[in-house]
Amino acid sequence: MSIDRRPPGAGRRWPSRLCGLAAGAAAVLSFPAPAFPQAASGFNLCVQPGSPPCVFMPGQPAEACGREVEAYIASVFHYRECLARESERVIRESNDVIDHWRCREKGERCRK
């Protein structure tokens, strides 16, 4: 038989931490879906590209940095296209809202 000379509770930290993590995870998962931010239907997230750090750091090999700059330029063009598409989508959506409102309130622009 061995004698445990640790102070009371010293050997029980791991199981209590595990229980705390499990309880936290259960609490987070118990929230209904609307509790978390939701993107609007049809929304496309346009992520702004970050500039390549090699441009601002001396001593970087020119050809490797050149490839990063080319990739950055391509991602900027994709970003601009994404913003244009999203802008058009929002304009169409707002026009639909305005049309529905005018139809409801004034009987104008009603669709059949």
N, C-alpha and C. Protein backbone atom coordinates (compact mmCIF):
# COMPACT_ATOMS: atom_id res chain seq x y z
N MET A 1 0.84 -1.17 0.00
CA MET A 1 0.00 0.00 0.00
C MET A 1 0.89 1.23 0.00
N SER A 2 0.54 2.24 -0.85
CA SER A 2 1.34 3.46 -0.89
C SER A 2 0.57 4.57 -0.20
N ILE A 3 1.32 5.52 0.28
CA ILE A 3 0.74 6.65 0.99
C ILE A 3 0.84 7.88 0.08
N ASP A 4 -0.27 8.54 -0.15
CA ASP A 4 -0.31 9.74 -0.97
C ASP A 4 -0.03 10.94 -0.07
N ARG A 5 1.13 11.57 -0.25
CA ARG A 5 1.51 12.70 0.60
C ARG A 5 1.17 14.06 -0.02
N ARG A 6 0.48 14.04 -1.13
CA ARG A 6 0.09 15.31 -1.74
C ARG A 6 -1.01 15.97 -0.92
N PRO A 7 -1.06 17.30 -0.94
CA PRO A 7 -2.16 17.97 -0.22
C PRO A 7 -3.50 17.58 -0.84
N PRO A 8 -4.56 17.63 -0.05
CA PRO A 8 -5.88 17.25 -0.58
C PRO A 8 -6.23 18.08 -1.82
N GLY A 9 -6.72 17.42 -2.85
CA GLY A 9 -7.14 18.09 -4.07
C GLY A 9 -6.03 18.29 -5.08
N ALA A 10 -4.76 18.06 -4.72
CA ALA A 10 -3.65 18.32 -5.63
C ALA A 10 -3.67 17.37 -6.83
N GLY A 11 -4.07 16.15 -6.65
CA GLY A 11 -4.07 15.19 -7.75
C GLY A 11 -5.33 15.23 -8.58
N ARG A 12 -6.26 16.09 -8.22
CA ARG A 12 -7.56 16.09 -8.91
C ARG A 12 -7.72 17.28 -9.85
N ARG A 13 -6.68 17.97 -10.20
CA ARG A 13 -6.81 19.14 -11.06
C ARG A 13 -7.22 18.76 -12.47
N TRP A 14 -6.61 17.75 -13.03
CA TRP A 14 -6.88 17.38 -14.41
C TRP A 14 -8.35 17.01 -14.62
N PRO A 15 -8.93 16.12 -13.80
CA PRO A 15 -10.34 15.78 -14.04
C PRO A 15 -11.27 16.99 -13.86
N SER A 16 -10.97 17.88 -12.92
CA SER A 16 -11.86 19.02 -12.73
C SER A 16 -11.74 20.00 -13.90
N ARG A 17 -10.56 20.16 -14.46
CA ARG A 17 -10.40 21.00 -15.64
C ARG A 17 -11.13 20.41 -16.83
N LEU A 18 -11.05 19.11 -16.97
CA LEU A 18 -11.75 18.44 -18.07
C LEU A 18 -13.26 18.63 -17.94
N CYS A 19 -13.76 18.52 -16.72
CA CYS A 19 -15.20 18.73 -16.50
C CYS A 19 -15.57 20.17 -16.82
N GLY A 20 -14.71 21.11 -16.47
CA GLY A 20 -14.98 22.52 -16.76
C GLY A 20 -15.02 22.78 -18.26
N LEU A 21 -14.09 22.18 -18.98
CA LEU A 21 -14.08 22.33 -20.44
C LEU A 21 -15.31 21.70 -21.07
N ALA A 22 -15.69 20.54 -20.58
CA ALA A 22 -16.87 19.87 -21.11
C ALA A 22 -18.13 20.69 -20.84
N ALA A 23 -18.22 21.27 -19.64
CA ALA A 23 -19.38 22.09 -19.30
C ALA A 23 -19.42 23.35 -20.17
N GLY A 24 -18.26 23.95 -20.40
CA GLY A 24 -18.20 25.14 -21.27
C GLY A 24 -18.61 24.81 -22.69
N ALA A 25 -18.13 23.69 -23.20
CA ALA A 25 -18.49 23.29 -24.56
C ALA A 25 -19.98 23.00 -24.66
N ALA A 26 -20.52 22.36 -23.65
CA ALA A 26 -21.96 22.06 -23.65
C ALA A 26 -22.78 23.34 -23.61
N ALA A 27 -22.31 24.34 -22.85
CA ALA A 27 -23.04 25.60 -22.78
C ALA A 27 -23.03 26.31 -24.13
N VAL A 28 -21.89 26.33 -24.79
CA VAL A 28 -21.79 26.98 -26.09
C VAL A 28 -22.67 26.27 -27.12
N LEU A 29 -22.64 24.96 -27.12
CA LEU A 29 -23.42 24.20 -28.09
C LEU A 29 -24.91 24.24 -27.82
N SER A 30 -25.30 24.60 -26.60
CA SER A 30 -26.72 24.63 -26.26
C SER A 30 -27.41 25.90 -26.76
N PHE A 31 -26.64 26.92 -27.19
CA PHE A 31 -27.25 28.14 -27.72
C PHE A 31 -27.94 27.82 -29.04
N PRO A 32 -29.09 28.40 -29.28
CA PRO A 32 -29.73 28.20 -30.59
C PRO A 32 -28.92 28.90 -31.67
N ALA A 33 -29.10 28.47 -32.88
CA ALA A 33 -28.33 29.02 -34.01
C ALA A 33 -28.42 30.53 -34.13
N PRO A 34 -29.59 31.18 -33.92
CA PRO A 34 -29.64 32.63 -34.08
C PRO A 34 -28.79 33.40 -33.08
N ALA A 35 -28.29 32.74 -32.04
CA ALA A 35 -27.45 33.44 -31.07
C ALA A 35 -26.10 33.80 -31.66
N PHE A 36 -25.74 33.16 -32.76
CA PHE A 36 -24.48 33.43 -33.41
C PHE A 36 -24.74 34.32 -34.63
N PRO A 37 -23.81 35.22 -34.96
CA PRO A 37 -24.03 36.09 -36.12
C PRO A 37 -24.19 35.28 -37.39
N GLN A 38 -25.14 35.67 -38.18
CA GLN A 38 -25.42 34.97 -39.43
C GLN A 38 -25.25 35.94 -40.59
N ALA A 39 -24.67 35.48 -41.66
CA ALA A 39 -24.57 36.30 -42.87
C ALA A 39 -25.92 36.33 -43.55
N ALA A 40 -26.21 37.42 -44.21
CA ALA A 40 -27.46 37.53 -44.96
C ALA A 40 -27.43 36.52 -46.10
N SER A 41 -28.60 36.04 -46.47
CA SER A 41 -28.64 35.07 -47.55
C SER A 41 -28.08 35.68 -48.82
N GLY A 42 -27.23 34.94 -49.49
CA GLY A 42 -26.63 35.42 -50.72
C GLY A 42 -25.41 36.29 -50.51
N PHE A 43 -25.07 36.57 -49.27
CA PHE A 43 -23.94 37.44 -48.99
C PHE A 43 -22.64 36.73 -49.31
N ASN A 44 -21.76 37.43 -50.01
CA ASN A 44 -20.42 36.91 -50.29
C ASN A 44 -19.42 37.74 -49.52
N LEU A 45 -18.66 37.09 -48.69
CA LEU A 45 -17.66 37.79 -47.90
C LEU A 45 -16.48 38.15 -48.78
N CYS A 46 -16.20 39.43 -48.88
CA CYS A 46 -15.07 39.92 -49.66
C CYS A 46 -13.94 40.25 -48.68
N VAL A 47 -12.89 39.47 -48.72
CA VAL A 47 -11.79 39.63 -47.78
C VAL A 47 -10.70 40.47 -48.43
N GLN A 48 -10.40 41.59 -47.78
CA GLN A 48 -9.37 42.48 -48.30
C GLN A 48 -8.01 41.80 -48.19
N PRO A 49 -7.25 41.77 -49.28
CA PRO A 49 -5.94 41.12 -49.23
C PRO A 49 -4.93 41.98 -48.46
N GLY A 50 -4.03 41.30 -47.79
CA GLY A 50 -2.95 42.00 -47.09
C GLY A 50 -1.77 42.20 -48.03
N SER A 51 -1.08 43.31 -47.85
CA SER A 51 0.07 43.57 -48.72
C SER A 51 1.21 42.62 -48.36
N PRO A 52 2.01 42.26 -49.34
CA PRO A 52 3.11 41.33 -49.07
C PRO A 52 4.18 42.01 -48.20
N PRO A 53 4.54 41.41 -47.09
CA PRO A 53 5.51 42.03 -46.19
C PRO A 53 6.91 42.14 -46.79
N CYS A 54 7.22 41.33 -47.79
CA CYS A 54 8.58 41.35 -48.36
C CYS A 54 8.91 42.70 -48.98
N VAL A 55 7.90 43.45 -49.41
CA VAL A 55 8.12 44.75 -50.04
C VAL A 55 8.76 45.72 -49.05
N PHE A 56 8.38 45.59 -47.80
CA PHE A 56 8.84 46.53 -46.78
C PHE A 56 10.03 46.02 -45.98
N MET A 57 10.51 44.82 -46.30
CA MET A 57 11.66 44.26 -45.58
C MET A 57 12.85 44.15 -46.53
N PRO A 58 13.89 44.89 -46.25
CA PRO A 58 15.08 44.79 -47.11
C PRO A 58 15.74 43.42 -46.96
N GLY A 59 16.41 43.01 -48.00
CA GLY A 59 17.15 41.76 -47.95
C GLY A 59 16.37 40.54 -48.42
N GLN A 60 15.14 40.72 -48.85
CA GLN A 60 14.35 39.60 -49.35
C GLN A 60 14.75 39.32 -50.81
N PRO A 61 14.82 38.08 -51.21
CA PRO A 61 15.15 37.77 -52.60
C PRO A 61 14.11 38.39 -53.54
N ALA A 62 14.59 39.04 -54.59
CA ALA A 62 13.72 39.78 -55.49
C ALA A 62 12.71 38.89 -56.20
N GLU A 63 13.13 37.73 -56.67
CA GLU A 63 12.18 36.89 -57.42
C GLU A 63 11.09 36.32 -56.52
N ALA A 64 11.43 35.95 -55.29
CA ALA A 64 10.40 35.44 -54.37
C ALA A 64 9.42 36.56 -54.02
N CYS A 65 9.95 37.74 -53.79
CA CYS A 65 9.09 38.88 -53.47
C CYS A 65 8.24 39.26 -54.68
N GLY A 66 8.82 39.15 -55.86
CA GLY A 66 8.07 39.45 -57.08
C GLY A 66 6.86 38.54 -57.23
N ARG A 67 7.03 37.26 -56.89
CA ARG A 67 5.90 36.32 -56.96
C ARG A 67 4.82 36.70 -55.94
N GLU A 68 5.24 37.13 -54.74
CA GLU A 68 4.28 37.55 -53.73
C GLU A 68 3.51 38.79 -54.19
N VAL A 69 4.23 39.73 -54.82
CA VAL A 69 3.58 40.95 -55.32
C VAL A 69 2.59 40.61 -56.42
N GLU A 70 2.97 39.70 -57.34
CA GLU A 70 2.05 39.30 -58.40
C GLU A 70 0.80 38.63 -57.82
N ALA A 71 0.99 37.78 -56.81
CA ALA A 71 -0.15 37.14 -56.17
C ALA A 71 -1.03 38.18 -55.46
N TYR A 72 -0.39 39.17 -54.86
CA TYR A 72 -1.13 40.25 -54.19
C TYR A 72 -1.97 41.03 -55.19
N ILE A 73 -1.37 41.37 -56.33
CA ILE A 73 -2.10 42.13 -57.35
C ILE A 73 -3.30 41.32 -57.85
N ALA A 74 -3.11 40.03 -58.07
CA ALA A 74 -4.22 39.18 -58.51
C ALA A 74 -5.32 39.14 -57.45
N SER A 75 -4.93 39.06 -56.19
CA SER A 75 -5.94 39.01 -55.13
C SER A 75 -6.66 40.36 -54.98
N VAL A 76 -5.98 41.46 -55.28
CA VAL A 76 -6.63 42.77 -55.25
C VAL A 76 -7.70 42.84 -56.34
N PHE A 77 -7.40 42.30 -57.54
CA PHE A 77 -8.39 42.29 -58.61
C PHE A 77 -9.59 41.42 -58.24
N HIS A 78 -9.34 40.27 -57.62
CA HIS A 78 -10.45 39.41 -57.17
C HIS A 78 -11.28 40.12 -56.11
N TYR A 79 -10.61 40.83 -55.23
CA TYR A 79 -11.30 41.58 -54.17
C TYR A 79 -12.20 42.65 -54.78
N ARG A 80 -11.67 43.39 -55.75
CA ARG A 80 -12.47 44.43 -56.42
C ARG A 80 -13.69 43.83 -57.11
N GLU A 81 -13.51 42.69 -57.77
CA GLU A 81 -14.64 42.03 -58.43
C GLU A 81 -15.67 41.57 -57.40
N CYS A 82 -15.21 41.06 -56.29
CA CYS A 82 -16.12 40.62 -55.23
C CYS A 82 -16.92 41.80 -54.69
N LEU A 83 -16.24 42.92 -54.45
CA LEU A 83 -16.93 44.11 -53.95
C LEU A 83 -17.97 44.61 -54.95
N ALA A 84 -17.64 44.58 -56.22
CA ALA A 84 -18.58 45.03 -57.25
C ALA A 84 -19.81 44.12 -57.27
N ARG A 85 -19.59 42.79 -57.20
CA ARG A 85 -20.72 41.84 -57.19
C ARG A 85 -21.59 42.06 -55.95
N GLU A 86 -20.95 42.23 -54.82
CA GLU A 86 -21.70 42.41 -53.57
C GLU A 86 -22.45 43.73 -53.58
N SER A 87 -21.86 44.77 -54.13
CA SER A 87 -22.53 46.06 -54.23
C SER A 87 -23.77 45.94 -55.10
N GLU A 88 -23.66 45.26 -56.24
CA GLU A 88 -24.81 45.06 -57.12
C GLU A 88 -25.90 44.26 -56.42
N ARG A 89 -25.51 43.23 -55.67
CA ARG A 89 -26.48 42.41 -54.96
C ARG A 89 -27.24 43.24 -53.93
N VAL A 90 -26.53 44.08 -53.19
CA VAL A 90 -27.16 44.91 -52.17
C VAL A 90 -28.10 45.92 -52.80
N ILE A 91 -27.71 46.48 -53.93
CA ILE A 91 -28.57 47.44 -54.63
C ILE A 91 -29.85 46.76 -55.09
N ARG A 92 -29.72 45.55 -55.67
CA ARG A 92 -30.92 44.81 -56.10
C ARG A 92 -31.83 44.51 -54.91
N GLU A 93 -31.23 44.09 -53.81
CA GLU A 93 -32.00 43.76 -52.61
C GLU A 93 -32.71 45.01 -52.07
N SER A 94 -32.02 46.13 -52.02
CA SER A 94 -32.64 47.36 -51.50
C SER A 94 -33.75 47.83 -52.44
N ASN A 95 -33.58 47.68 -53.76
CA ASN A 95 -34.64 48.04 -54.71
C ASN A 95 -35.87 47.17 -54.50
N ASP A 96 -35.66 45.88 -54.22
CA ASP A 96 -36.80 44.99 -53.93
C ASP A 96 -37.54 45.44 -52.68
N VAL A 97 -36.79 45.81 -51.64
CA VAL A 97 -37.41 46.28 -50.40
C VAL A 97 -38.21 47.54 -50.67
N ILE A 98 -37.64 48.48 -51.41
CA ILE A 98 -38.33 49.75 -51.73
C ILE A 98 -39.59 49.47 -52.54
N ASP A 99 -39.50 48.57 -53.54
CA ASP A 99 -40.67 48.24 -54.35
C ASP A 99 -41.78 47.62 -53.50
N HIS A 100 -41.42 46.70 -52.63
CA HIS A 100 -42.43 46.08 -51.76
C HIS A 100 -43.06 47.12 -50.83
N TRP A 101 -42.25 48.01 -50.32
CA TRP A 101 -42.76 49.05 -49.43
C TRP A 101 -43.73 49.98 -50.18
N ARG A 102 -43.35 50.41 -51.36
CA ARG A 102 -44.21 51.30 -52.14
C ARG A 102 -45.51 50.61 -52.53
N CYS A 103 -45.42 49.34 -52.84
CA CYS A 103 -46.63 48.58 -53.18
C CYS A 103 -47.55 48.51 -51.97
N ARG A 104 -46.98 48.21 -50.82
CA ARG A 104 -47.79 48.07 -49.61
C ARG A 104 -48.40 49.39 -49.17
N GLU A 105 -47.61 50.45 -49.21
CA GLU A 105 -48.07 51.73 -48.68
C GLU A 105 -48.85 52.59 -49.68
N LYS A 106 -48.46 52.53 -50.96
CA LYS A 106 -49.05 53.44 -51.93
C LYS A 106 -49.68 52.74 -53.13
N GLY A 107 -49.53 51.42 -53.20
CA GLY A 107 -50.07 50.70 -54.34
C GLY A 107 -49.25 50.91 -55.60
N GLU A 108 -48.04 51.40 -55.48
CA GLU A 108 -47.15 51.64 -56.63
C GLU A 108 -46.17 50.48 -56.78
N ARG A 109 -45.73 50.28 -58.00
CA ARG A 109 -44.67 49.31 -58.33
C ARG A 109 -44.99 47.90 -57.84
N CYS A 110 -46.25 47.54 -57.84
CA CYS A 110 -46.63 46.20 -57.38
C CYS A 110 -46.36 45.18 -58.49
N ARG A 111 -45.81 44.08 -58.11
CA ARG A 111 -45.53 43.00 -59.06
C ARG A 111 -46.68 42.01 -59.02
N LYS A 112 -46.95 41.45 -60.16
CA LYS A 112 -48.07 40.48 -60.23
C LYS A 112 -47.56 39.09 -60.27
